[in-house]
Protein backbone atom coordinates (compact mmCIF):
# COMPACT_ATOMS: atom_id res chain seq x y z
CA MET A 1 13.58 16.93 3.50
CA GLN A 2 16.01 14.26 4.67
CA LYS A 3 14.40 14.31 8.12
CA ALA A 4 11.01 13.51 6.58
CA GLY A 5 12.51 10.55 4.69
CA PHE A 6 14.18 9.28 7.84
CA GLY A 7 10.89 9.61 9.74
CA ARG A 8 9.05 7.54 7.14
CA LEU A 9 11.78 4.92 7.27
CA MET A 10 11.48 4.71 11.06
CA VAL A 11 7.68 4.32 10.81
CA CYS A 12 8.14 1.47 8.32
CA VAL A 13 10.66 -0.25 10.60
CA VAL A 14 8.34 0.04 13.61
CA VAL A 15 5.34 -1.27 11.65
CA ALA A 16 7.39 -4.22 10.31
CA ALA A 17 8.60 -5.07 13.83
CA LEU A 18 5.04 -4.94 15.14
CA LEU A 19 3.82 -7.24 12.37
CA VAL A 20 6.53 -9.80 13.21
CA PHE A 21 5.73 -9.54 16.93
CA VAL A 22 1.96 -9.84 16.41
CA GLY A 23 2.40 -12.78 14.01
CA ALA A 24 4.67 -14.63 16.41
CA HIS A 25 2.34 -13.83 19.33
CA ALA A 26 -0.70 -15.12 17.40
CA PHE A 27 1.15 -18.36 16.63
CA ALA A 28 2.19 -18.74 20.27
CA ALA A 29 -1.38 -18.16 21.48
CA LYS A 30 -2.95 -20.86 19.31
CA LYS A 31 -0.24 -23.53 19.19
CA GLY A 32 -1.27 -25.43 22.33
CA ARG A 33 0.40 -28.72 23.18
CA PRO A 34 3.08 -30.06 20.79
CA ASP A 35 2.23 -33.10 18.65
CA ALA A 36 5.82 -34.41 18.81
CA THR A 37 9.34 -33.55 19.90
CA ILE A 38 12.58 -33.66 17.96
CA ALA A 39 16.22 -33.86 19.05
CA PHE A 40 18.91 -32.77 16.59
CA LYS A 41 22.54 -33.89 16.66
CA SER A 42 25.36 -32.62 14.48
CA GLY A 43 28.39 -34.05 12.83
CA SER A 44 31.78 -32.37 12.78
CA VAL A 45 32.44 -28.69 12.09
CA ALA A 46 34.46 -27.42 9.15
CA ALA A 47 36.61 -24.44 10.15
CA GLY A 48 34.91 -21.21 9.17
CA LEU A 49 32.03 -22.94 7.42
CA GLY A 50 29.82 -24.01 10.29
CA PHE A 51 28.02 -27.26 9.60
CA SER A 52 24.74 -28.69 8.48
CA TRP A 53 23.13 -30.96 11.04
CA GLY A 54 23.47 -34.65 10.42
CA GLY A 55 20.27 -36.03 11.84
CA GLY A 56 17.95 -36.38 14.72
CA THR A 57 15.22 -38.33 16.42
CA LEU A 58 11.54 -37.48 16.14
CA THR A 59 9.33 -38.77 18.95
CA TYR A 60 5.75 -39.03 17.67
CA LYS A 61 2.89 -40.90 19.35
CA GLY A 62 5.34 -42.61 21.71
CA LYS A 63 7.61 -43.97 18.94
CA LYS A 64 11.06 -42.80 17.90
CA HIS A 65 11.84 -42.16 14.23
CA GLU A 66 15.26 -41.25 12.82
CA VAL A 67 15.40 -38.20 10.53
CA LYS A 68 18.04 -36.75 8.22
CA VAL A 69 18.56 -32.98 8.52
CA GLN A 70 20.31 -30.64 6.07
CA GLY A 71 20.61 -26.87 5.97
CA MET A 72 20.46 -25.86 9.63
CA SER A 73 23.79 -24.42 10.64
CA VAL A 74 25.85 -22.61 13.21
CA GLY A 75 28.78 -20.35 12.51
CA LYS A 76 30.83 -21.06 15.61
CA VAL A 77 34.33 -22.36 14.96
CA GLY A 78 36.06 -24.78 17.32
CA ILE A 79 33.14 -26.95 18.38
CA THR A 80 32.97 -30.61 17.45
CA ARG A 81 29.36 -31.38 18.35
CA ALA A 82 26.16 -29.45 18.78
CA THR A 83 22.68 -30.41 19.88
CA ALA A 84 19.26 -28.84 19.71
CA THR A 85 15.74 -29.82 20.66
CA GLY A 86 12.40 -28.84 19.22
CA LYS A 87 8.68 -28.92 19.79
CA VAL A 88 6.66 -29.99 16.75
CA TYR A 89 3.17 -28.61 16.06
CA ASN A 90 0.52 -29.39 13.41
CA LEU A 91 1.93 -32.88 12.74
CA LYS A 92 -1.21 -34.78 11.73
CA LYS A 93 0.56 -37.82 10.22
CA LEU A 94 4.15 -39.00 10.41
CA GLU A 95 4.93 -38.31 6.73
CA ASP A 96 4.08 -34.62 7.15
CA ILE A 97 7.44 -34.12 8.93
CA ASN A 98 9.16 -34.55 5.54
CA GLY A 99 9.85 -31.32 3.71
CA ASN A 100 11.68 -28.05 3.38
CA TYR A 101 11.36 -25.74 6.39
CA VAL A 102 11.71 -21.96 6.23
CA GLY A 103 11.97 -19.50 9.09
CA VAL A 104 8.81 -17.89 10.44
CA GLY A 105 9.10 -14.95 12.81
CA ALA A 106 12.44 -13.75 14.11
CA GLY A 107 15.19 -15.81 15.71
CA ALA A 108 15.88 -15.23 19.37
CA THR A 109 18.61 -15.58 21.95
CA LEU A 110 17.40 -17.13 25.17
CA GLY A 111 18.82 -16.94 28.68
CA GLY A 112 22.23 -18.58 29.03
CA GLY A 113 23.07 -17.80 25.40
CA ALA A 114 20.91 -20.51 23.81
CA GLY A 115 19.66 -19.73 20.31
CA ALA A 116 16.11 -20.35 19.08
CA VAL A 117 14.36 -20.39 15.72
CA THR A 118 10.85 -21.26 14.53
CA MET A 119 10.41 -22.89 11.12
CA LYS A 120 7.51 -24.22 9.04
CA ASN A 121 7.25 -26.64 6.09
CA GLN A 122 4.88 -26.93 3.13
CA ASN A 123 2.63 -29.32 5.10
CA GLY A 124 2.00 -26.73 7.80
CA VAL A 125 4.25 -28.49 10.35
CA VAL A 126 5.91 -25.97 12.69
CA ILE A 127 9.06 -26.71 14.70
CA GLU A 128 10.37 -24.47 17.47
CA VAL A 129 14.09 -25.27 17.77
CA VAL A 130 16.26 -24.37 20.77
CA SER A 131 20.02 -24.95 20.87
CA THR A 132 21.07 -27.05 23.84
CA SER A 133 24.75 -26.23 23.27
CA LYS A 134 25.55 -23.13 25.39
CA GLY A 135 26.26 -19.99 23.42
CA LEU A 136 25.41 -21.59 20.10
CA GLY A 137 23.13 -19.72 17.72
CA ILE A 138 21.05 -21.60 15.17
CA ALA A 139 20.60 -20.39 11.60
CA ILE A 140 18.53 -21.58 8.69
CA GLY A 141 20.40 -21.89 5.41
CA SER A 142 19.35 -19.78 2.42
CA GLY A 143 17.64 -22.82 0.88
CA GLY A 144 15.79 -23.65 4.09
CA VAL A 145 16.17 -26.78 6.20
CA ASP A 146 15.38 -30.19 4.75
CA ILE A 147 14.05 -32.77 7.23
CA ASN A 148 13.19 -36.26 6.01
CA LEU A 149 12.49 -39.60 7.63
CA LYS A 150 15.29 -42.12 7.13
């Protein structure tokens, strides 16, 4: 009886993994060229607490715009700065960058130890973020990531 329950659990896990993979693959297939790019820069790190990014620069239609970022964190102790870059999709107007972003799909670790995460806001804007600090994983806080123009 326990074997049957374990088998059902394994089937559910496999189906869930396939749904995440297919969803991420469908997004990747239709995303095309990014509408903008974003570069994140952090402040200082509190021991054991990680940090929430301080800000960044959005490059949209050839112009640079400063943004304030809260809620994206790393848990690595002993670093004083961290950077990340992102490709921005579905940005139809500048103001649409403002909002609360939640994770879509699963996070990933790329070659060289770089971390990656894909997030989406209420306006449909999607940002694929990649850590440019070696060995640094990126995490989205439980309340999401707030990005707003300064």
